[in-house]
N, C-alpha and C. Protein backbone atom coordinates (compact mmCIF):
# COMPACT_ATOMS: atom_id res chain seq x y z
N MET A 1 -11.87 -0.48 -20.93
CA MET A 1 -12.66 -0.18 -19.75
C MET A 1 -14.12 -0.12 -20.16
N THR A 2 -15.01 -0.76 -19.40
CA THR A 2 -16.43 -0.74 -19.71
C THR A 2 -17.01 0.63 -19.40
N GLN A 3 -18.24 0.88 -19.88
CA GLN A 3 -18.90 2.15 -19.62
C GLN A 3 -19.06 2.39 -18.12
N ASN A 4 -19.47 1.36 -17.36
CA ASN A 4 -19.62 1.51 -15.91
C ASN A 4 -18.29 1.79 -15.24
N ALA A 5 -17.24 1.10 -15.67
CA ALA A 5 -15.92 1.33 -15.09
C ALA A 5 -15.44 2.73 -15.42
N THR A 6 -15.73 3.20 -16.65
CA THR A 6 -15.35 4.55 -17.03
C THR A 6 -16.06 5.57 -16.15
N SER A 7 -17.35 5.37 -15.92
CA SER A 7 -18.11 6.28 -15.06
C SER A 7 -17.57 6.26 -13.65
N ALA A 8 -17.27 5.06 -13.13
CA ALA A 8 -16.77 4.93 -11.77
C ALA A 8 -15.40 5.58 -11.62
N ALA A 9 -14.62 5.55 -12.70
CA ALA A 9 -13.25 6.04 -12.63
C ALA A 9 -13.16 7.56 -12.80
N GLN A 10 -14.23 8.20 -13.24
CA GLN A 10 -14.16 9.64 -13.43
C GLN A 10 -13.84 10.32 -12.11
N GLY A 11 -12.87 11.20 -12.15
CA GLY A 11 -12.45 11.89 -10.95
C GLY A 11 -11.45 11.11 -10.11
N CYS A 12 -11.06 9.94 -10.54
CA CYS A 12 -10.12 9.11 -9.79
C CYS A 12 -8.70 9.57 -10.08
N ILE A 13 -8.00 9.99 -9.06
CA ILE A 13 -6.63 10.48 -9.23
C ILE A 13 -5.71 9.39 -9.76
N PHE A 14 -5.89 8.14 -9.33
CA PHE A 14 -5.02 7.07 -9.82
C PHE A 14 -5.28 6.77 -11.29
N CYS A 15 -6.54 6.84 -11.73
CA CYS A 15 -6.83 6.67 -13.16
C CYS A 15 -6.18 7.80 -13.96
N ALA A 16 -6.19 9.01 -13.40
CA ALA A 16 -5.55 10.14 -14.08
C ALA A 16 -4.04 9.93 -14.16
N ILE A 17 -3.43 9.39 -13.12
CA ILE A 17 -2.00 9.11 -13.15
C ILE A 17 -1.69 8.03 -14.19
N VAL A 18 -2.48 6.96 -14.18
CA VAL A 18 -2.29 5.86 -15.14
C VAL A 18 -2.39 6.40 -16.58
N ALA A 19 -3.33 7.33 -16.81
CA ALA A 19 -3.54 7.91 -18.14
C ALA A 19 -2.56 9.03 -18.45
N ARG A 20 -1.65 9.31 -17.52
CA ARG A 20 -0.66 10.39 -17.67
C ARG A 20 -1.31 11.77 -17.76
N GLU A 21 -2.49 11.89 -17.12
CA GLU A 21 -3.18 13.17 -17.06
C GLU A 21 -2.85 13.91 -15.76
N SER A 22 -2.25 13.22 -14.80
CA SER A 22 -1.77 13.81 -13.56
C SER A 22 -0.34 13.40 -13.34
N GLU A 23 0.38 14.25 -12.66
CA GLU A 23 1.80 14.04 -12.43
C GLU A 23 2.05 12.97 -11.37
N ALA A 24 3.07 12.19 -11.57
CA ALA A 24 3.51 11.19 -10.59
C ALA A 24 4.96 10.83 -10.89
N SER A 25 5.65 10.37 -9.86
CA SER A 25 7.02 9.89 -10.01
C SER A 25 6.95 8.38 -10.23
N VAL A 26 6.90 7.99 -11.50
CA VAL A 26 6.70 6.59 -11.87
C VAL A 26 8.02 5.83 -11.76
N VAL A 27 7.95 4.67 -11.12
CA VAL A 27 9.10 3.80 -10.92
C VAL A 27 9.10 2.65 -11.92
N TYR A 28 7.90 2.15 -12.24
CA TYR A 28 7.78 0.97 -13.12
C TYR A 28 6.38 0.98 -13.71
N GLU A 29 6.26 0.45 -14.92
CA GLU A 29 4.94 0.23 -15.50
C GLU A 29 5.01 -0.87 -16.54
N ASP A 30 3.89 -1.56 -16.67
CA ASP A 30 3.73 -2.55 -17.72
C ASP A 30 2.28 -2.48 -18.19
N GLU A 31 1.82 -3.48 -18.92
CA GLU A 31 0.46 -3.43 -19.47
C GLU A 31 -0.62 -3.58 -18.40
N THR A 32 -0.27 -4.02 -17.19
CA THR A 32 -1.26 -4.28 -16.15
C THR A 32 -1.19 -3.29 -14.99
N VAL A 33 0.00 -2.85 -14.61
CA VAL A 33 0.16 -2.01 -13.42
C VAL A 33 1.06 -0.81 -13.69
N VAL A 34 0.92 0.18 -12.81
CA VAL A 34 1.83 1.31 -12.76
C VAL A 34 2.26 1.44 -11.30
N VAL A 35 3.56 1.65 -11.08
CA VAL A 35 4.10 1.82 -9.73
C VAL A 35 4.66 3.23 -9.64
N PHE A 36 4.25 3.95 -8.60
CA PHE A 36 4.73 5.31 -8.42
C PHE A 36 4.90 5.63 -6.95
N MET A 37 5.63 6.72 -6.69
CA MET A 37 5.90 7.14 -5.32
C MET A 37 4.62 7.70 -4.71
N ASP A 38 4.36 7.34 -3.45
CA ASP A 38 3.22 7.89 -2.71
C ASP A 38 3.48 9.37 -2.46
N LEU A 39 2.50 10.21 -2.75
CA LEU A 39 2.64 11.65 -2.56
C LEU A 39 2.76 12.03 -1.08
N ASN A 40 2.20 11.20 -0.22
CA ASN A 40 2.25 11.41 1.23
C ASN A 40 2.89 10.18 1.87
N PRO A 41 4.19 10.00 1.68
CA PRO A 41 4.83 8.76 2.12
C PRO A 41 4.92 8.61 3.63
N VAL A 42 4.73 7.38 4.10
CA VAL A 42 4.94 7.04 5.49
C VAL A 42 6.44 7.17 5.80
N THR A 43 7.26 6.68 4.88
CA THR A 43 8.71 6.77 4.97
C THR A 43 9.24 7.05 3.56
N PRO A 44 10.46 7.55 3.44
CA PRO A 44 11.03 7.73 2.10
C PRO A 44 11.07 6.40 1.34
N GLY A 45 10.65 6.45 0.09
CA GLY A 45 10.64 5.24 -0.74
C GLY A 45 9.28 4.55 -0.81
N HIS A 46 8.27 5.05 -0.10
CA HIS A 46 6.93 4.47 -0.06
C HIS A 46 6.34 4.45 -1.48
N LEU A 47 6.04 3.24 -1.95
CA LEU A 47 5.53 3.02 -3.31
C LEU A 47 4.08 2.57 -3.31
N LEU A 48 3.38 2.84 -4.41
CA LEU A 48 2.03 2.33 -4.64
C LEU A 48 2.03 1.53 -5.93
N VAL A 49 1.50 0.31 -5.86
CA VAL A 49 1.32 -0.53 -7.04
C VAL A 49 -0.16 -0.46 -7.39
N VAL A 50 -0.45 0.06 -8.58
CA VAL A 50 -1.83 0.38 -8.96
C VAL A 50 -2.17 -0.33 -10.28
N PRO A 51 -3.28 -1.06 -10.31
CA PRO A 51 -3.68 -1.65 -11.59
C PRO A 51 -4.13 -0.56 -12.56
N ARG A 52 -3.84 -0.73 -13.83
CA ARG A 52 -4.27 0.25 -14.84
C ARG A 52 -5.79 0.32 -14.92
N GLU A 53 -6.43 -0.83 -14.83
CA GLU A 53 -7.89 -0.90 -14.91
C GLU A 53 -8.47 -0.46 -13.57
N HIS A 54 -9.46 0.43 -13.59
CA HIS A 54 -10.06 0.90 -12.35
C HIS A 54 -10.75 -0.25 -11.61
N ALA A 55 -10.39 -0.42 -10.37
CA ALA A 55 -11.02 -1.39 -9.47
C ALA A 55 -11.03 -0.75 -8.09
N VAL A 56 -12.16 -0.71 -7.44
CA VAL A 56 -12.26 -0.04 -6.15
C VAL A 56 -11.52 -0.81 -5.07
N GLY A 57 -11.78 -2.11 -4.97
CA GLY A 57 -11.18 -2.90 -3.91
C GLY A 57 -10.76 -4.27 -4.39
N LEU A 58 -10.31 -5.08 -3.44
CA LEU A 58 -9.85 -6.44 -3.74
C LEU A 58 -10.88 -7.24 -4.52
N ASP A 59 -12.12 -7.14 -4.12
CA ASP A 59 -13.19 -7.93 -4.73
C ASP A 59 -13.42 -7.56 -6.20
N ASP A 60 -12.95 -6.38 -6.60
CA ASP A 60 -13.16 -5.91 -7.96
C ASP A 60 -12.03 -6.30 -8.92
N LEU A 61 -10.97 -6.90 -8.39
CA LEU A 61 -9.83 -7.29 -9.23
C LEU A 61 -10.06 -8.69 -9.81
N ASP A 62 -9.76 -8.85 -11.09
CA ASP A 62 -9.79 -10.21 -11.63
C ASP A 62 -8.53 -10.93 -11.15
N GLN A 63 -8.53 -12.24 -11.25
CA GLN A 63 -7.45 -13.05 -10.71
C GLN A 63 -6.09 -12.73 -11.32
N ALA A 64 -6.04 -12.53 -12.63
CA ALA A 64 -4.77 -12.25 -13.29
C ALA A 64 -4.20 -10.90 -12.86
N THR A 65 -5.06 -9.88 -12.77
CA THR A 65 -4.60 -8.56 -12.34
C THR A 65 -4.13 -8.62 -10.89
N SER A 66 -4.89 -9.29 -10.05
CA SER A 66 -4.51 -9.43 -8.65
C SER A 66 -3.14 -10.09 -8.52
N ALA A 67 -2.94 -11.17 -9.25
CA ALA A 67 -1.66 -11.87 -9.20
C ALA A 67 -0.53 -10.96 -9.65
N ARG A 68 -0.76 -10.19 -10.69
CA ARG A 68 0.29 -9.30 -11.21
C ARG A 68 0.60 -8.18 -10.21
N VAL A 69 -0.43 -7.62 -9.57
CA VAL A 69 -0.20 -6.57 -8.56
C VAL A 69 0.71 -7.10 -7.46
N TRP A 70 0.41 -8.28 -6.94
CA TRP A 70 1.22 -8.84 -5.85
C TRP A 70 2.62 -9.23 -6.32
N GLU A 71 2.72 -9.73 -7.56
CA GLU A 71 4.03 -10.09 -8.09
C GLU A 71 4.92 -8.85 -8.23
N VAL A 72 4.36 -7.79 -8.77
CA VAL A 72 5.12 -6.55 -8.93
C VAL A 72 5.43 -5.96 -7.55
N GLY A 73 4.49 -6.06 -6.62
CA GLY A 73 4.75 -5.59 -5.25
C GLY A 73 5.96 -6.27 -4.64
N ARG A 74 6.07 -7.57 -4.84
CA ARG A 74 7.23 -8.33 -4.35
C ARG A 74 8.51 -7.85 -5.02
N ASP A 75 8.44 -7.63 -6.33
CA ASP A 75 9.61 -7.14 -7.06
C ASP A 75 10.04 -5.76 -6.55
N MET A 76 9.06 -4.91 -6.25
CA MET A 76 9.38 -3.56 -5.76
C MET A 76 9.99 -3.63 -4.36
N ALA A 77 9.50 -4.54 -3.52
CA ALA A 77 10.08 -4.71 -2.18
C ALA A 77 11.54 -5.15 -2.30
N ARG A 78 11.79 -6.07 -3.22
CA ARG A 78 13.18 -6.53 -3.44
C ARG A 78 14.04 -5.38 -3.94
N ALA A 79 13.51 -4.56 -4.84
CA ALA A 79 14.26 -3.42 -5.37
C ALA A 79 14.56 -2.42 -4.26
N LEU A 80 13.59 -2.16 -3.40
CA LEU A 80 13.83 -1.24 -2.28
C LEU A 80 14.95 -1.75 -1.39
N ARG A 81 14.93 -3.03 -1.09
CA ARG A 81 15.97 -3.61 -0.23
C ARG A 81 17.36 -3.50 -0.86
N ARG A 82 17.42 -3.56 -2.18
CA ARG A 82 18.71 -3.51 -2.87
C ARG A 82 19.13 -2.08 -3.24
N SER A 83 18.24 -1.14 -3.04
CA SER A 83 18.52 0.24 -3.45
C SER A 83 19.44 0.95 -2.46
N ARG A 84 19.89 2.13 -2.84
CA ARG A 84 20.72 2.91 -1.94
C ARG A 84 19.92 3.51 -0.79
N MET A 85 18.61 3.29 -0.77
CA MET A 85 17.77 3.79 0.33
C MET A 85 18.03 3.01 1.62
N ARG A 86 18.58 1.81 1.47
CA ARG A 86 19.03 0.99 2.59
C ARG A 86 17.96 0.76 3.67
N CYS A 87 16.76 0.40 3.23
CA CYS A 87 15.71 0.12 4.21
C CYS A 87 16.05 -1.16 4.97
N GLU A 88 15.52 -1.26 6.17
CA GLU A 88 15.82 -2.40 7.04
C GLU A 88 14.66 -3.38 7.14
N GLY A 89 13.55 -3.05 6.52
CA GLY A 89 12.37 -3.90 6.51
C GLY A 89 11.37 -3.37 5.50
N ILE A 90 10.31 -4.11 5.27
CA ILE A 90 9.26 -3.73 4.31
C ILE A 90 7.90 -4.08 4.92
N ASN A 91 6.95 -3.18 4.81
CA ASN A 91 5.55 -3.49 5.07
C ASN A 91 4.82 -3.48 3.74
N VAL A 92 4.00 -4.50 3.51
CA VAL A 92 3.13 -4.56 2.34
C VAL A 92 1.72 -4.44 2.90
N LEU A 93 0.98 -3.46 2.40
CA LEU A 93 -0.30 -3.11 3.03
C LEU A 93 -1.36 -2.80 1.99
N VAL A 94 -2.57 -3.31 2.25
CA VAL A 94 -3.74 -2.96 1.46
C VAL A 94 -4.78 -2.38 2.42
N CYS A 95 -5.32 -1.25 2.06
CA CYS A 95 -6.44 -0.66 2.80
C CYS A 95 -7.66 -0.85 1.90
N ASP A 96 -8.52 -1.79 2.23
CA ASP A 96 -9.66 -2.15 1.39
C ASP A 96 -10.95 -1.73 2.07
N GLY A 97 -11.46 -0.57 1.70
CA GLY A 97 -12.68 -0.05 2.27
C GLY A 97 -12.40 1.08 3.26
N GLU A 98 -13.40 1.93 3.40
CA GLU A 98 -13.25 3.10 4.28
C GLU A 98 -12.90 2.71 5.71
N ALA A 99 -13.51 1.64 6.22
CA ALA A 99 -13.23 1.19 7.60
C ALA A 99 -11.79 0.73 7.76
N ALA A 100 -11.14 0.37 6.64
CA ALA A 100 -9.75 -0.08 6.66
C ALA A 100 -8.80 1.05 6.25
N PHE A 101 -9.28 2.29 6.32
CA PHE A 101 -8.49 3.50 6.04
C PHE A 101 -8.19 3.73 4.57
N GLN A 102 -8.97 3.13 3.67
CA GLN A 102 -8.79 3.43 2.24
C GLN A 102 -9.28 4.84 1.99
N THR A 103 -8.45 5.66 1.35
CA THR A 103 -8.83 7.04 1.06
C THR A 103 -8.93 7.33 -0.43
N VAL A 104 -8.23 6.55 -1.25
CA VAL A 104 -8.38 6.65 -2.70
C VAL A 104 -9.03 5.35 -3.13
N PHE A 105 -10.22 5.46 -3.72
CA PHE A 105 -11.01 4.26 -4.01
C PHE A 105 -10.73 3.71 -5.41
N HIS A 106 -9.45 3.43 -5.59
CA HIS A 106 -8.89 2.69 -6.73
C HIS A 106 -7.89 1.77 -6.05
N PHE A 107 -8.09 0.47 -6.17
CA PHE A 107 -7.24 -0.48 -5.46
C PHE A 107 -5.77 -0.12 -5.62
N HIS A 108 -5.02 -0.23 -4.53
CA HIS A 108 -3.58 -0.02 -4.58
C HIS A 108 -2.90 -0.78 -3.45
N LEU A 109 -1.70 -1.22 -3.75
CA LEU A 109 -0.87 -1.97 -2.80
C LEU A 109 0.26 -1.04 -2.35
N HIS A 110 0.34 -0.82 -1.04
CA HIS A 110 1.42 0.00 -0.48
C HIS A 110 2.64 -0.88 -0.25
N ILE A 111 3.79 -0.42 -0.71
CA ILE A 111 5.07 -1.06 -0.40
C ILE A 111 5.84 -0.01 0.41
N VAL A 112 5.95 -0.24 1.72
CA VAL A 112 6.50 0.76 2.62
C VAL A 112 7.84 0.29 3.17
N PRO A 113 8.92 0.98 2.77
CA PRO A 113 10.21 0.63 3.35
C PRO A 113 10.24 1.08 4.81
N ARG A 114 10.88 0.27 5.65
CA ARG A 114 10.93 0.58 7.07
C ARG A 114 12.36 0.75 7.52
N TYR A 115 12.52 1.62 8.49
CA TYR A 115 13.81 1.96 9.06
C TYR A 115 13.69 1.94 10.57
N VAL A 116 14.69 1.40 11.26
CA VAL A 116 14.67 1.39 12.71
C VAL A 116 14.47 2.82 13.20
N GLY A 117 13.48 3.00 14.08
CA GLY A 117 13.22 4.32 14.65
C GLY A 117 12.44 5.26 13.75
N ASP A 118 11.81 4.74 12.66
CA ASP A 118 11.09 5.65 11.76
C ASP A 118 9.80 6.19 12.36
N GLY A 119 9.34 5.60 13.46
CA GLY A 119 8.21 6.15 14.19
C GLY A 119 6.83 5.71 13.73
N TRP A 120 6.73 4.95 12.65
CA TRP A 120 5.41 4.54 12.17
C TRP A 120 4.99 3.29 12.91
N ILE A 121 3.82 3.33 13.52
CA ILE A 121 3.30 2.21 14.30
C ILE A 121 2.01 1.73 13.66
N LEU A 122 1.95 0.45 13.35
CA LEU A 122 0.74 -0.12 12.77
C LEU A 122 -0.32 -0.38 13.83
N MET A 123 0.07 -1.02 14.92
CA MET A 123 -0.90 -1.38 15.93
C MET A 123 -0.18 -1.73 17.22
N SER A 124 -0.78 -1.32 18.32
CA SER A 124 -0.22 -1.75 19.59
C SER A 124 -0.62 -3.21 19.82
N GLU A 125 -0.33 -3.76 20.95
CA GLU A 125 -0.58 -5.18 21.19
C GLU A 125 -2.08 -5.50 21.18
N PRO A 126 -2.52 -6.27 20.19
CA PRO A 126 -3.94 -6.66 20.16
C PRO A 126 -4.22 -7.71 21.23
N PRO A 127 -5.44 -7.70 21.76
CA PRO A 127 -5.78 -8.71 22.77
C PRO A 127 -5.89 -10.10 22.14
N GLU A 128 -5.58 -11.13 22.93
CA GLU A 128 -5.73 -12.50 22.45
C GLU A 128 -7.22 -12.83 22.36
N ARG A 129 -7.62 -13.53 21.29
CA ARG A 129 -9.02 -13.90 21.08
C ARG A 129 -9.22 -15.34 21.56
N GLU A 130 -10.35 -15.58 22.21
CA GLU A 130 -10.66 -16.92 22.73
C GLU A 130 -10.75 -17.93 21.58
N ARG A 131 -10.30 -19.18 21.84
CA ARG A 131 -10.29 -20.22 20.82
C ARG A 131 -11.69 -20.46 20.25
N SER A 132 -12.73 -20.46 21.07
CA SER A 132 -14.08 -20.71 20.55
C SER A 132 -14.49 -19.62 19.55
N LEU A 133 -14.08 -18.39 19.79
CA LEU A 133 -14.39 -17.30 18.86
C LEU A 133 -13.56 -17.43 17.59
N LEU A 134 -12.30 -17.83 17.73
CA LEU A 134 -11.46 -18.07 16.56
C LEU A 134 -12.05 -19.18 15.70
N ASP A 135 -12.49 -20.26 16.35
CA ASP A 135 -13.10 -21.38 15.62
C ASP A 135 -14.37 -20.94 14.90
N SER A 136 -15.18 -20.11 15.55
CA SER A 136 -16.41 -19.60 14.94
C SER A 136 -16.08 -18.72 13.73
N ASP A 137 -15.07 -17.86 13.88
CA ASP A 137 -14.64 -17.01 12.77
C ASP A 137 -14.15 -17.87 11.60
N ALA A 138 -13.35 -18.89 11.91
CA ALA A 138 -12.82 -19.79 10.88
C ALA A 138 -13.97 -20.47 10.13
N HIS A 139 -14.98 -20.90 10.85
CA HIS A 139 -16.13 -21.57 10.23
C HIS A 139 -16.86 -20.62 9.28
N ALA A 140 -17.07 -19.38 9.71
CA ALA A 140 -17.75 -18.39 8.86
C ALA A 140 -16.96 -18.14 7.58
N ILE A 141 -15.64 -18.09 7.68
CA ILE A 141 -14.81 -17.84 6.50
C ILE A 141 -14.81 -19.07 5.59
N LYS A 142 -14.77 -20.28 6.17
CA LYS A 142 -14.82 -21.50 5.36
C LYS A 142 -16.13 -21.57 4.57
N GLU A 143 -17.23 -21.18 5.18
CA GLU A 143 -18.53 -21.14 4.48
C GLU A 143 -18.48 -20.17 3.29
N ALA A 144 -17.86 -19.02 3.51
CA ALA A 144 -17.76 -18.02 2.45
C ALA A 144 -16.86 -18.51 1.31
N ILE A 145 -15.79 -19.22 1.63
CA ILE A 145 -14.91 -19.78 0.61
C ILE A 145 -15.70 -20.73 -0.28
N ALA A 146 -16.48 -21.58 0.33
CA ALA A 146 -17.28 -22.54 -0.43
C ALA A 146 -18.27 -21.83 -1.35
N SER A 147 -18.78 -20.69 -0.93
CA SER A 147 -19.80 -19.99 -1.75
C SER A 147 -19.18 -19.16 -2.87
N THR A 148 -17.85 -18.98 -2.89
CA THR A 148 -17.23 -18.19 -3.95
C THR A 148 -16.72 -19.04 -5.10
N ASP A 149 -16.78 -20.37 -4.96
CA ASP A 149 -16.29 -21.27 -6.02
C ASP A 149 -17.23 -21.32 -7.19
């Protein structure tokens, strides 16, 4: 971890969990990620996939770490489906930034098992967006893609 990353990570509960300085119910770990139970689960079995290296959001993850987080997230979803928890669905969720409800500013991937009638609602029916606005949004994103190469 660089000096800046170390400074940024000070006080980070997920960094403390990764370093085994804070308690967590760990499900899986390797050299890149640690997976543990969410302390405030949406449903029983709610997991967090956390990179060992401190990264605040998606933009702070290198490509290899990002790929590993998503790969392990998929493996955890498969494990949940096969477990005795008998979930009926899975939500995979990232909250990237305060406006997106991120509360711990160390990137993490939520793997949320779902059960019929569990009561958790992501969003009511969003309004349909006009095609011209969708096209404009698509153009803005295409421009940004070109500038990140």
